[in-house]
């Protein structure tokens, strides 16, 4: 069905607060925080064109990503800062924050949904108002491979490998010795 225009002062594709956030937010593992940030930095460095000052994300987007990881509720994944708050924290202009968010979204590091809430006005006037967006973290496939390299299990240490081989040889020698013994007499 075709959507009906309400002429309310809100942005398109906005949802009422509480309608979708439960399915939208995902818990964030705090142990992977720095791996995700390092992956974003490596992604930006790998895709930087020669002669350009910044990569596709830019240094402001990387600052913004660090700030968002600092303020997220790791248990629920709840992340809903206002642009004004981010402007104060990062000491950047509104345009810089909005463009950095757009770059993070374009490259697959951030997603958001627009939200509204009822105003409680009776009769004439706006019935809903725009509130802060709900954000969540994502990782593009290229960054996921970088995170897997950072977080993944490393090689077995040489001393542990030597200890395991020695223990296996001793076990084989012990079993060979036990097999060479005569079985006890049957009673």
N, C-alpha and C. Protein backbone atom coordinates (compact mmCIF):
# COMPACT_ATOMS: atom_id res chain seq x y z
N UNK A 1 0.83 -1.20 0.00
CA UNK A 1 0.00 0.00 0.00
C UNK A 1 0.86 1.25 0.00
N UNK A 2 0.35 2.26 -0.63
CA UNK A 2 1.07 3.52 -0.71
C UNK A 2 1.02 4.23 0.64
N UNK A 3 2.15 4.77 1.07
CA UNK A 3 2.22 5.46 2.36
C UNK A 3 1.49 6.80 2.26
N UNK A 4 0.82 7.15 3.33
CA UNK A 4 0.08 8.40 3.37
C UNK A 4 0.95 9.46 4.03
N UNK A 5 1.01 10.63 3.45
CA UNK A 5 1.82 11.71 3.98
C UNK A 5 1.07 12.37 5.12
N UNK A 6 1.76 12.57 6.26
CA UNK A 6 1.10 13.13 7.44
C UNK A 6 1.37 14.62 7.62
N UNK A 7 2.31 15.15 6.87
CA UNK A 7 2.71 16.56 6.96
C UNK A 7 3.24 16.92 8.35
N UNK A 8 3.78 15.95 9.07
CA UNK A 8 4.39 16.22 10.37
C UNK A 8 5.85 16.63 10.13
N UNK A 9 6.41 17.46 11.02
CA UNK A 9 7.79 17.93 10.81
C UNK A 9 8.84 16.89 11.22
N UNK A 10 8.81 15.73 10.56
CA UNK A 10 9.79 14.69 10.83
C UNK A 10 10.38 14.20 9.52
N UNK A 11 11.49 13.51 9.61
CA UNK A 11 12.15 13.01 8.42
C UNK A 11 11.50 11.72 7.95
N UNK A 12 11.67 11.46 6.68
CA UNK A 12 11.11 10.27 6.06
C UNK A 12 11.70 9.01 6.69
N UNK A 13 10.94 7.93 6.69
CA UNK A 13 11.36 6.62 7.21
C UNK A 13 11.74 6.68 8.68
N UNK A 14 11.05 7.47 9.46
CA UNK A 14 11.26 7.53 10.91
C UNK A 14 10.26 6.62 11.59
N UNK A 15 10.70 5.98 12.68
CA UNK A 15 9.86 5.07 13.43
C UNK A 15 9.70 5.59 14.85
N UNK A 16 8.60 5.25 15.50
CA UNK A 16 8.40 5.65 16.88
C UNK A 16 9.45 4.99 17.76
N UNK A 17 9.93 5.72 18.75
CA UNK A 17 10.93 5.20 19.68
C UNK A 17 10.38 3.96 20.38
N UNK A 18 11.18 2.93 20.45
CA UNK A 18 10.78 1.69 21.08
C UNK A 18 10.15 0.69 20.15
N UNK A 19 9.86 1.07 18.93
CA UNK A 19 9.20 0.17 17.99
C UNK A 19 10.15 -0.84 17.37
N UNK A 20 11.39 -0.45 17.10
CA UNK A 20 12.31 -1.33 16.38
C UNK A 20 13.66 -1.53 17.05
N UNK A 21 13.97 -0.77 18.08
CA UNK A 21 15.31 -0.82 18.65
C UNK A 21 15.66 -2.18 19.24
N UNK A 22 14.66 -2.88 19.81
CA UNK A 22 14.93 -4.19 20.40
C UNK A 22 15.50 -5.18 19.41
N UNK A 23 15.02 -5.12 18.17
CA UNK A 23 15.56 -6.00 17.13
C UNK A 23 16.78 -5.40 16.46
N UNK A 24 16.94 -4.09 16.59
CA UNK A 24 18.02 -3.39 15.88
C UNK A 24 19.34 -3.48 16.63
N UNK A 25 19.32 -3.18 17.94
CA UNK A 25 20.56 -3.18 18.71
C UNK A 25 21.03 -4.61 18.99
N UNK A 26 22.34 -4.79 18.97
CA UNK A 26 22.95 -6.08 19.27
C UNK A 26 24.03 -5.85 20.32
N UNK A 27 24.22 -6.79 21.24
CA UNK A 27 25.30 -6.63 22.23
C UNK A 27 26.65 -6.52 21.52
N UNK A 28 27.55 -5.75 22.14
CA UNK A 28 28.88 -5.52 21.58
C UNK A 28 29.89 -6.15 22.53
N UNK A 29 30.78 -6.95 22.00
CA UNK A 29 31.81 -7.58 22.82
C UNK A 29 32.91 -6.55 23.09
N UNK A 30 33.11 -6.15 24.36
CA UNK A 30 34.13 -5.13 24.64
C UNK A 30 35.55 -5.60 24.33
N UNK A 31 35.77 -6.91 24.28
CA UNK A 31 37.11 -7.42 23.97
C UNK A 31 37.48 -7.17 22.50
N UNK A 32 36.45 -7.05 21.65
CA UNK A 32 36.70 -6.83 20.22
C UNK A 32 36.74 -5.36 19.85
N UNK A 33 36.54 -4.48 20.81
CA UNK A 33 36.47 -3.04 20.54
C UNK A 33 37.70 -2.55 19.78
N UNK A 34 38.88 -2.80 20.33
CA UNK A 34 40.10 -2.27 19.70
C UNK A 34 40.41 -2.99 18.40
N UNK A 35 40.02 -4.25 18.29
CA UNK A 35 40.22 -4.96 17.02
C UNK A 35 39.37 -4.32 15.93
N UNK A 36 38.15 -3.92 16.26
CA UNK A 36 37.28 -3.28 15.26
C UNK A 36 37.82 -1.91 14.88
N UNK A 37 38.32 -1.18 15.85
CA UNK A 37 38.88 0.16 15.56
C UNK A 37 40.13 0.01 14.70
N UNK A 38 41.00 -0.93 15.06
CA UNK A 38 42.22 -1.15 14.26
C UNK A 38 41.87 -1.63 12.86
N UNK A 39 40.82 -2.43 12.73
CA UNK A 39 40.39 -2.89 11.41
C UNK A 39 39.90 -1.72 10.57
N UNK A 40 39.18 -0.79 11.19
CA UNK A 40 38.71 0.39 10.45
C UNK A 40 39.90 1.24 10.01
N UNK A 41 40.89 1.38 10.88
CA UNK A 41 42.09 2.15 10.51
C UNK A 41 42.85 1.46 9.37
N UNK A 42 42.98 0.14 9.45
CA UNK A 42 43.67 -0.60 8.38
C UNK A 42 42.88 -0.52 7.08
N UNK A 43 41.56 -0.62 7.17
CA UNK A 43 40.69 -0.50 6.00
C UNK A 43 40.90 0.86 5.34
N UNK A 44 40.95 1.90 6.14
CA UNK A 44 41.15 3.25 5.63
C UNK A 44 42.53 3.40 4.97
N UNK A 45 43.55 2.82 5.61
CA UNK A 45 44.92 2.91 5.07
C UNK A 45 45.06 2.12 3.77
N UNK A 46 44.48 0.93 3.72
CA UNK A 46 44.61 0.08 2.53
C UNK A 46 43.92 0.68 1.31
N UNK A 47 42.87 1.43 1.52
CA UNK A 47 42.11 1.98 0.41
C UNK A 47 42.43 3.44 0.11
N UNK A 48 43.42 3.97 0.77
CA UNK A 48 43.83 5.36 0.53
C UNK A 48 44.48 5.46 -0.83
N UNK A 49 44.06 6.45 -1.60
CA UNK A 49 44.64 6.65 -2.92
C UNK A 49 45.92 7.47 -2.79
N UNK A 50 46.88 7.19 -3.66
CA UNK A 50 48.16 7.90 -3.64
C UNK A 50 47.92 9.39 -3.87
N UNK A 51 48.56 10.21 -3.08
CA UNK A 51 48.46 11.65 -3.22
C UNK A 51 47.30 12.27 -2.46
N UNK A 52 46.42 11.46 -1.92
CA UNK A 52 45.28 11.96 -1.15
C UNK A 52 45.68 12.09 0.32
N UNK A 53 45.05 13.02 1.01
CA UNK A 53 45.35 13.24 2.42
C UNK A 53 44.76 12.14 3.30
N UNK A 54 43.54 11.72 3.00
CA UNK A 54 42.83 10.72 3.80
C UNK A 54 42.38 9.56 2.94
N UNK A 55 42.04 8.48 3.62
CA UNK A 55 41.45 7.34 2.95
C UNK A 55 39.95 7.56 2.79
N UNK A 56 39.21 6.53 2.44
CA UNK A 56 37.78 6.70 2.21
C UNK A 56 37.00 7.07 3.47
N UNK A 57 37.47 6.68 4.64
CA UNK A 57 36.78 7.04 5.88
C UNK A 57 37.20 8.42 6.38
N UNK A 58 38.48 8.66 6.43
CA UNK A 58 38.98 9.94 6.92
C UNK A 58 39.22 9.91 8.42
N UNK A 59 40.05 10.84 8.89
CA UNK A 59 40.42 10.82 10.30
C UNK A 59 39.28 11.23 11.21
N UNK A 60 38.36 12.04 10.75
CA UNK A 60 37.23 12.44 11.59
C UNK A 60 36.29 11.25 11.80
N UNK A 61 36.08 10.45 10.78
CA UNK A 61 35.24 9.26 10.92
C UNK A 61 35.88 8.27 11.88
N UNK A 62 37.20 8.15 11.85
CA UNK A 62 37.87 7.25 12.78
C UNK A 62 37.76 7.77 14.21
N UNK A 63 37.87 9.09 14.40
CA UNK A 63 37.66 9.69 15.73
C UNK A 63 36.23 9.42 16.19
N UNK A 64 35.29 9.60 15.30
CA UNK A 64 33.88 9.38 15.62
C UNK A 64 33.64 7.92 16.01
N UNK A 65 34.23 6.99 15.29
CA UNK A 65 34.07 5.58 15.60
C UNK A 65 34.61 5.26 16.98
N UNK A 66 35.79 5.82 17.32
CA UNK A 66 36.36 5.62 18.67
C UNK A 66 35.41 6.16 19.74
N UNK A 67 34.84 7.34 19.50
CA UNK A 67 33.92 7.95 20.47
C UNK A 67 32.66 7.10 20.62
N UNK A 68 32.13 6.59 19.52
CA UNK A 68 30.94 5.76 19.60
C UNK A 68 31.21 4.46 20.37
N UNK A 69 32.39 3.87 20.16
CA UNK A 69 32.74 2.67 20.93
C UNK A 69 32.94 3.00 22.41
N UNK A 70 33.29 4.23 22.71
CA UNK A 70 33.48 4.63 24.10
C UNK A 70 32.14 4.75 24.83
N UNK A 71 31.09 5.19 24.14
CA UNK A 71 29.83 5.48 24.82
C UNK A 71 28.77 4.40 24.64
N UNK A 72 29.02 3.36 23.86
CA UNK A 72 28.01 2.32 23.64
C UNK A 72 27.78 1.53 24.93
N UNK A 73 26.56 1.07 25.13
CA UNK A 73 26.25 0.14 26.21
C UNK A 73 26.55 -1.25 25.69
N UNK A 74 27.65 -1.84 26.14
CA UNK A 74 28.12 -3.10 25.57
C UNK A 74 27.14 -4.24 25.80
N UNK A 75 26.43 -4.21 26.90
CA UNK A 75 25.52 -5.31 27.23
C UNK A 75 24.33 -5.38 26.26
N UNK A 76 23.75 -4.24 25.94
CA UNK A 76 22.57 -4.23 25.08
C UNK A 76 22.88 -3.76 23.66
N UNK A 77 23.97 -3.04 23.48
CA UNK A 77 24.29 -2.46 22.17
C UNK A 77 23.62 -1.12 21.97
N UNK A 78 22.97 -0.60 23.00
CA UNK A 78 22.24 0.67 22.89
C UNK A 78 23.21 1.81 22.59
N UNK A 79 22.91 2.54 21.54
CA UNK A 79 23.76 3.64 21.10
C UNK A 79 22.87 4.68 20.45
N UNK A 80 22.68 5.81 21.13
CA UNK A 80 21.79 6.84 20.62
C UNK A 80 22.28 8.25 20.98
N UNK A 81 23.51 8.60 20.64
CA UNK A 81 23.98 9.95 20.94
C UNK A 81 23.39 10.97 19.96
N UNK A 82 23.26 12.19 20.42
CA UNK A 82 22.81 13.25 19.52
C UNK A 82 24.02 13.80 18.77
N UNK A 83 23.76 14.43 17.67
CA UNK A 83 24.85 15.03 16.90
C UNK A 83 25.47 16.18 17.69
N UNK A 84 24.66 16.91 18.45
CA UNK A 84 25.19 17.99 19.29
C UNK A 84 26.16 17.45 20.33
N UNK A 85 25.84 16.31 20.94
CA UNK A 85 26.74 15.70 21.91
C UNK A 85 28.07 15.32 21.25
N UNK A 86 27.99 14.70 20.08
CA UNK A 86 29.21 14.30 19.38
C UNK A 86 30.02 15.52 18.95
N UNK A 87 29.34 16.61 18.58
CA UNK A 87 30.05 17.84 18.21
C UNK A 87 30.85 18.37 19.41
N UNK A 88 30.23 18.35 20.60
CA UNK A 88 30.92 18.83 21.81
C UNK A 88 32.09 17.93 22.18
N UNK A 89 31.89 16.62 22.10
CA UNK A 89 32.94 15.69 22.51
C UNK A 89 34.14 15.73 21.56
N UNK A 90 33.88 15.79 20.26
CA UNK A 90 34.96 15.73 19.28
C UNK A 90 35.46 17.11 18.86
N UNK A 91 34.71 18.15 19.27
CA UNK A 91 35.06 19.53 18.91
C UNK A 91 35.15 19.68 17.38
N UNK A 92 34.10 19.20 16.73
CA UNK A 92 34.00 19.27 15.27
C UNK A 92 32.68 19.93 14.91
N UNK A 93 32.58 20.39 13.69
CA UNK A 93 31.35 21.03 13.22
C UNK A 93 30.28 19.97 12.93
N UNK A 94 29.05 20.44 12.85
CA UNK A 94 27.92 19.56 12.54
C UNK A 94 28.13 18.89 11.18
N UNK A 95 28.57 19.65 10.20
CA UNK A 95 28.78 19.11 8.86
C UNK A 95 29.85 18.02 8.88
N UNK A 96 30.91 18.22 9.65
CA UNK A 96 31.98 17.21 9.72
C UNK A 96 31.46 15.92 10.34
N UNK A 97 30.66 16.02 11.40
CA UNK A 97 30.11 14.83 12.05
C UNK A 97 29.15 14.10 11.11
N UNK A 98 28.27 14.84 10.46
CA UNK A 98 27.28 14.23 9.57
C UNK A 98 27.97 13.56 8.39
N UNK A 99 28.98 14.21 7.82
CA UNK A 99 29.70 13.61 6.70
C UNK A 99 30.48 12.37 7.13
N UNK A 100 31.07 12.42 8.33
CA UNK A 100 31.81 11.25 8.84
C UNK A 100 30.86 10.08 9.05
N UNK A 101 29.68 10.36 9.60
CA UNK A 101 28.69 9.29 9.78
C UNK A 101 28.26 8.71 8.43
N UNK A 102 28.08 9.58 7.46
CA UNK A 102 27.69 9.10 6.13
C UNK A 102 28.77 8.21 5.53
N UNK A 103 30.04 8.57 5.72
CA UNK A 103 31.13 7.74 5.21
C UNK A 103 31.18 6.40 5.93
N UNK A 104 30.98 6.40 7.25
CA UNK A 104 30.97 5.14 8.00
C UNK A 104 29.83 4.25 7.53
N UNK A 105 28.69 4.86 7.25
CA UNK A 105 27.54 4.09 6.78
C UNK A 105 27.78 3.57 5.36
N UNK A 106 28.34 4.40 4.51
CA UNK A 106 28.60 4.01 3.12
C UNK A 106 29.55 2.83 3.03
N UNK A 107 30.54 2.78 3.92
CA UNK A 107 31.53 1.70 3.87
C UNK A 107 31.18 0.53 4.78
N UNK A 108 30.04 0.59 5.45
CA UNK A 108 29.54 -0.57 6.18
C UNK A 108 29.98 -0.68 7.62
N UNK A 109 30.42 0.40 8.25
CA UNK A 109 30.85 0.34 9.64
C UNK A 109 29.76 0.78 10.63
N UNK A 110 28.70 1.41 10.15
CA UNK A 110 27.68 1.94 11.02
C UNK A 110 26.33 1.90 10.32
N UNK A 111 25.29 1.60 11.06
CA UNK A 111 23.92 1.66 10.55
C UNK A 111 23.09 2.45 11.54
N UNK A 112 21.97 3.04 11.07
CA UNK A 112 21.08 3.73 12.00
C UNK A 112 19.66 3.74 11.48
N UNK A 113 18.77 3.98 12.42
CA UNK A 113 17.36 4.19 12.08
C UNK A 113 16.93 5.51 12.70
N UNK A 114 16.09 6.24 11.96
CA UNK A 114 15.56 7.51 12.45
C UNK A 114 14.38 7.23 13.37
N UNK A 115 14.23 8.08 14.39
CA UNK A 115 13.17 7.84 15.37
C UNK A 115 12.38 9.10 15.65
N UNK A 116 11.13 8.90 16.07
CA UNK A 116 10.26 9.99 16.50
C UNK A 116 9.62 9.61 17.82
N UNK A 117 9.00 10.60 18.47
CA UNK A 117 8.21 10.34 19.66
C UNK A 117 6.99 11.25 19.65
N UNK A 118 5.89 10.82 20.24
CA UNK A 118 4.70 11.66 20.29
C UNK A 118 4.93 12.91 21.15
N UNK A 119 4.33 14.03 20.75
CA UNK A 119 4.49 15.27 21.52
C UNK A 119 3.44 15.42 22.59
N UNK A 120 2.31 14.74 22.46
CA UNK A 120 1.25 14.88 23.44
C UNK A 120 0.34 16.07 23.17
N UNK A 121 0.54 16.77 22.05
CA UNK A 121 -0.33 17.89 21.69
C UNK A 121 -1.72 17.37 21.35
N UNK A 122 -2.71 18.07 21.83
CA UNK A 122 -4.09 17.73 21.46
C UNK A 122 -4.58 18.75 20.45
N UNK A 123 -5.24 18.29 19.44
CA UNK A 123 -5.75 19.20 18.43
C UNK A 123 -4.72 19.53 17.40
N UNK A 124 -4.57 20.84 17.11
CA UNK A 124 -3.65 21.28 16.06
C UNK A 124 -2.21 21.26 16.54
N UNK A 125 -1.32 21.29 15.59
CA UNK A 125 0.11 21.32 15.88
C UNK A 125 0.73 19.96 15.64
N UNK A 126 2.05 19.91 15.69
CA UNK A 126 2.73 18.63 15.41
C UNK A 126 2.40 17.59 16.48
N UNK A 127 2.11 16.39 16.04
CA UNK A 127 1.78 15.29 16.95
C UNK A 127 3.01 14.44 17.29
N UNK A 128 4.06 14.55 16.49
CA UNK A 128 5.31 13.81 16.75
C UNK A 128 6.48 14.76 16.56
N UNK A 129 7.61 14.41 17.16
CA UNK A 129 8.82 15.19 16.96
C UNK A 129 9.98 14.24 16.74
N UNK A 130 10.97 14.74 16.02
CA UNK A 130 12.17 13.96 15.70
C UNK A 130 13.04 13.86 16.94
N UNK A 131 13.57 12.67 17.22
CA UNK A 131 14.53 12.50 18.32
C UNK A 131 15.80 11.89 17.74
N UNK A 132 16.77 11.59 18.60
CA UNK A 132 18.06 11.09 18.12
C UNK A 132 17.90 9.75 17.41
N UNK A 133 18.80 9.49 16.50
CA UNK A 133 18.83 8.22 15.79
C UNK A 133 19.30 7.11 16.70
N UNK A 134 18.98 5.89 16.35
CA UNK A 134 19.51 4.70 17.03
C UNK A 134 20.58 4.11 16.11
N UNK A 135 21.78 3.90 16.64
CA UNK A 135 22.92 3.45 15.84
C UNK A 135 23.32 2.04 16.26
N UNK A 136 23.97 1.32 15.35
CA UNK A 136 24.60 0.05 15.68
C UNK A 136 25.84 -0.12 14.82
N UNK A 137 26.78 -0.91 15.34
CA UNK A 137 28.04 -1.16 14.64
C UNK A 137 27.90 -2.34 13.69
N UNK A 138 28.61 -2.26 12.58
CA UNK A 138 28.67 -3.33 11.58
C UNK A 138 30.13 -3.44 11.14
N UNK A 139 30.42 -4.49 10.42
CA UNK A 139 31.76 -4.66 9.84
C UNK A 139 31.61 -5.13 8.40
N UNK A 140 32.23 -4.44 7.45
CA UNK A 140 32.24 -4.97 6.08
C UNK A 140 33.13 -6.21 6.01
N UNK A 141 32.99 -6.97 4.96
CA UNK A 141 33.72 -8.24 4.84
C UNK A 141 35.24 -8.03 4.90
N UNK A 142 35.74 -6.97 4.28
CA UNK A 142 37.19 -6.72 4.29
C UNK A 142 37.68 -6.46 5.72
N UNK A 143 36.91 -5.70 6.48
CA UNK A 143 37.30 -5.42 7.86
C UNK A 143 37.13 -6.66 8.74
N UNK A 144 36.16 -7.49 8.43
CA UNK A 144 35.96 -8.72 9.20
C UNK A 144 37.18 -9.63 9.09
N UNK A 145 37.78 -9.70 7.89
CA UNK A 145 38.99 -10.51 7.72
C UNK A 145 40.14 -9.94 8.55
N UNK A 146 40.23 -8.63 8.64
CA UNK A 146 41.28 -8.00 9.44
C UNK A 146 41.07 -8.31 10.92
N UNK A 147 39.83 -8.24 11.38
CA UNK A 147 39.51 -8.55 12.78
C UNK A 147 39.83 -10.00 13.08
N UNK A 148 39.50 -10.90 12.16
CA UNK A 148 39.80 -12.32 12.37
C UNK A 148 41.30 -12.55 12.50
N UNK A 149 42.09 -11.81 11.75
CA UNK A 149 43.55 -11.93 11.88
C UNK A 149 44.03 -11.40 13.22
N UNK A 150 43.43 -10.29 13.68
CA UNK A 150 43.86 -9.68 14.95
C UNK A 150 43.42 -10.53 16.13
N UNK A 151 42.17 -10.97 16.15
CA UNK A 151 41.60 -11.67 17.29
C UNK A 151 41.85 -13.18 17.23
N UNK A 152 42.03 -13.72 16.04
CA UNK A 152 42.15 -15.16 15.86
C UNK A 152 43.30 -15.76 16.66
N UNK A 153 43.23 -17.08 16.78
CA UNK A 153 44.27 -17.78 17.54
C UNK A 153 45.59 -17.71 16.78
N UNK A 154 46.65 -17.48 17.52
CA UNK A 154 47.97 -17.43 16.94
C UNK A 154 48.57 -18.82 16.85
N UNK A 155 49.78 -18.93 16.34
CA UNK A 155 50.43 -20.23 16.25
C UNK A 155 50.77 -20.76 17.65
N UNK A 156 50.88 -22.09 17.76
CA UNK A 156 51.25 -22.72 19.01
C UNK A 156 52.71 -22.37 19.32
N UNK A 157 53.03 -21.97 20.55
CA UNK A 157 54.43 -21.66 20.88
C UNK A 157 55.32 -22.88 20.70
N UNK A 158 56.58 -22.63 20.34
CA UNK A 158 57.52 -23.71 20.06
C UNK A 158 57.75 -24.58 21.29
N UNK A 159 57.85 -24.00 22.48
CA UNK A 159 58.10 -24.80 23.68
C UNK A 159 56.91 -25.70 24.00
N UNK A 160 55.70 -25.25 23.76
CA UNK A 160 54.53 -26.09 24.00
C UNK A 160 54.46 -27.21 22.99
N UNK A 161 54.81 -26.93 21.74
CA UNK A 161 54.85 -27.96 20.71
C UNK A 161 55.88 -29.03 21.07
N UNK A 162 57.05 -28.61 21.54
CA UNK A 162 58.10 -29.55 21.95
C UNK A 162 57.63 -30.40 23.14
N UNK A 163 56.95 -29.77 24.12
CA UNK A 163 56.45 -30.49 25.29
C UNK A 163 55.44 -31.55 24.87
N UNK A 164 54.55 -31.23 23.95
CA UNK A 164 53.54 -32.20 23.49
C UNK A 164 54.19 -33.37 22.76
N UNK A 165 55.18 -33.10 21.92
CA UNK A 165 55.88 -34.18 21.20
C UNK A 165 56.61 -35.09 22.17
N UNK A 166 57.28 -34.52 23.17
CA UNK A 166 58.01 -35.31 24.17
C UNK A 166 57.04 -36.18 24.96
N UNK A 167 55.91 -35.61 25.38
CA UNK A 167 54.92 -36.37 26.14
C UNK A 167 54.36 -37.51 25.30
N UNK A 168 54.15 -37.29 24.01
CA UNK A 168 53.63 -38.35 23.14
C UNK A 168 54.65 -39.47 23.00
N UNK A 169 55.95 -39.13 22.84
CA UNK A 169 56.99 -40.17 22.73
C UNK A 169 57.10 -40.96 24.02
N UNK A 170 57.03 -40.30 25.18
CA UNK A 170 57.11 -41.00 26.47
C UNK A 170 55.92 -41.93 26.66
N UNK A 171 54.73 -41.50 26.22
CA UNK A 171 53.54 -42.35 26.33
C UNK A 171 53.68 -43.58 25.46
N UNK A 172 54.20 -43.42 24.24
CA UNK A 172 54.40 -44.57 23.35
C UNK A 172 55.42 -45.54 23.94
N UNK A 173 56.49 -45.01 24.53
CA UNK A 173 57.52 -45.86 25.14
C UNK A 173 56.93 -46.63 26.33
N UNK A 174 56.12 -45.99 27.14
CA UNK A 174 55.52 -46.64 28.30
C UNK A 174 54.56 -47.74 27.85
N UNK A 175 53.74 -47.47 26.83
CA UNK A 175 52.80 -48.48 26.34
C UNK A 175 53.55 -49.67 25.72
N UNK A 176 54.63 -49.40 25.01
CA UNK A 176 55.43 -50.50 24.44
C UNK A 176 56.04 -51.35 25.54
N UNK A 177 56.52 -50.73 26.63
CA UNK A 177 57.09 -51.47 27.76
C UNK A 177 56.02 -52.33 28.43
N UNK A 178 54.81 -51.76 28.62
CA UNK A 178 53.74 -52.52 29.27
C UNK A 178 53.30 -53.70 28.42
N UNK A 179 53.31 -53.56 27.11
CA UNK A 179 52.92 -54.67 26.23
C UNK A 179 53.96 -55.79 26.25
N UNK A 180 55.23 -55.45 26.53
CA UNK A 180 56.28 -56.47 26.54
C UNK A 180 56.27 -57.30 27.82
N UNK A 181 55.64 -56.83 28.85
CA UNK A 181 55.55 -57.58 30.11
C UNK A 181 54.61 -58.77 29.93
N UNK A 182 54.87 -59.85 30.73
CA UNK A 182 54.00 -61.01 30.67
C UNK A 182 52.71 -60.68 31.40
N UNK A 183 51.60 -61.16 30.89
CA UNK A 183 50.34 -60.91 31.60
C UNK A 183 50.32 -61.64 32.93
N UNK A 184 49.62 -61.11 33.90
CA UNK A 184 49.57 -61.79 35.21
C UNK A 184 48.83 -63.13 35.08
N UNK A 185 49.19 -64.11 35.94
CA UNK A 185 48.52 -65.42 35.85
C UNK A 185 47.03 -65.30 36.17
N UNK A 186 46.24 -66.09 35.50
CA UNK A 186 44.80 -66.09 35.73
C UNK A 186 44.49 -66.87 36.99
N UNK A 187 43.61 -66.44 37.80
CA UNK A 187 43.28 -67.12 39.05
C UNK A 187 42.12 -68.03 38.90
